[in-house]
Amino acid sequence: MTSLEKRLNPLGINVQWAKFTAGPQLLEAMNVGSLDVGAVGETPPIFAQATGILCFYC
């Protein structure tokens, strides 16, 4: 169990880790509701938004 998992577990938040081969696949997982948080490069969110996928990034 990682430090993040240990800190969130008492709050009732279950952390499950997933690996993606590239940003577009990660953003599609977010689009269909299979993923809540992820990190990608600069370009994938631009293309995702161009196709109508709602995503927020900072």
Protein backbone atom coordinates (compact mmCIF):
# COMPACT_ATOMS: atom_id res chain seq x y z
CA MET A 1 0.00 0.00 0.00
CA THR A 2 1.44 3.38 -0.99
CA SER A 3 1.51 6.48 1.17
CA LEU A 4 -1.37 7.98 -0.84
CA GLU A 5 -3.49 4.88 -0.35
CA LYS A 6 -2.79 4.86 3.38
CA ARG A 7 -3.84 8.50 3.73
CA LEU A 8 -7.05 8.15 1.70
CA ASN A 9 -8.20 4.78 3.06
CA PRO A 10 -9.55 6.20 6.39
CA LEU A 11 -11.66 8.62 4.32
CA GLY A 12 -13.32 5.73 2.51
CA ILE A 13 -11.49 6.41 -0.77
CA ASN A 14 -10.22 3.33 -2.60
CA VAL A 15 -7.18 3.89 -4.83
CA GLN A 16 -6.62 1.61 -7.81
CA TRP A 17 -3.61 2.19 -10.05
CA ALA A 18 -3.73 1.69 -13.84
CA LYS A 19 -1.05 2.03 -16.51
CA PHE A 20 -1.77 3.38 -19.97
CA THR A 21 0.48 3.20 -23.02
CA ALA A 22 -0.27 6.77 -24.09
CA GLY A 23 -2.30 9.88 -23.35
CA PRO A 24 -5.17 9.28 -25.79
CA GLN A 25 -6.00 5.94 -24.16
CA LEU A 26 -5.95 7.53 -20.71
CA LEU A 27 -8.26 10.34 -21.83
CA GLU A 28 -10.68 7.85 -23.41
CA ALA A 29 -10.81 5.97 -20.09
CA MET A 30 -11.70 9.27 -18.41
CA ASN A 31 -14.31 9.97 -21.07
CA VAL A 32 -16.16 6.70 -20.41
CA GLY A 33 -15.96 7.09 -16.63
CA SER A 34 -13.36 4.41 -15.90
CA LEU A 35 -10.77 6.85 -14.57
CA ASP A 36 -10.96 9.90 -12.32
CA VAL A 37 -7.42 11.35 -12.38
CA GLY A 38 -4.47 11.06 -14.74
CA ALA A 39 -1.50 12.85 -16.20
CA VAL A 40 -0.71 13.23 -19.90
CA GLY A 41 1.41 15.43 -22.13
CA GLU A 42 0.30 18.73 -23.60
CA THR A 43 -1.11 17.55 -26.94
CA PRO A 44 -3.59 14.74 -26.06
CA PRO A 45 -6.03 17.04 -24.19
CA ILE A 46 -6.14 19.40 -27.17
CA PHE A 47 -7.18 16.58 -29.51
CA ALA A 48 -9.60 15.20 -26.91
CA GLN A 49 -11.33 18.57 -26.58
CA ALA A 50 -11.46 18.90 -30.38
CA THR A 51 -13.47 15.66 -30.51
CA GLY A 52 -15.89 16.90 -27.86
CA ILE A 53 -14.45 15.20 -24.77
CA LEU A 54 -14.79 17.45 -21.74
CA CYS A 55 -11.55 17.50 -19.79
CA PHE A 56 -9.88 19.93 -17.44
CA TYR A 57 -6.15 20.32 -17.06
CA CYS A 58 -3.66 22.58 -15.41
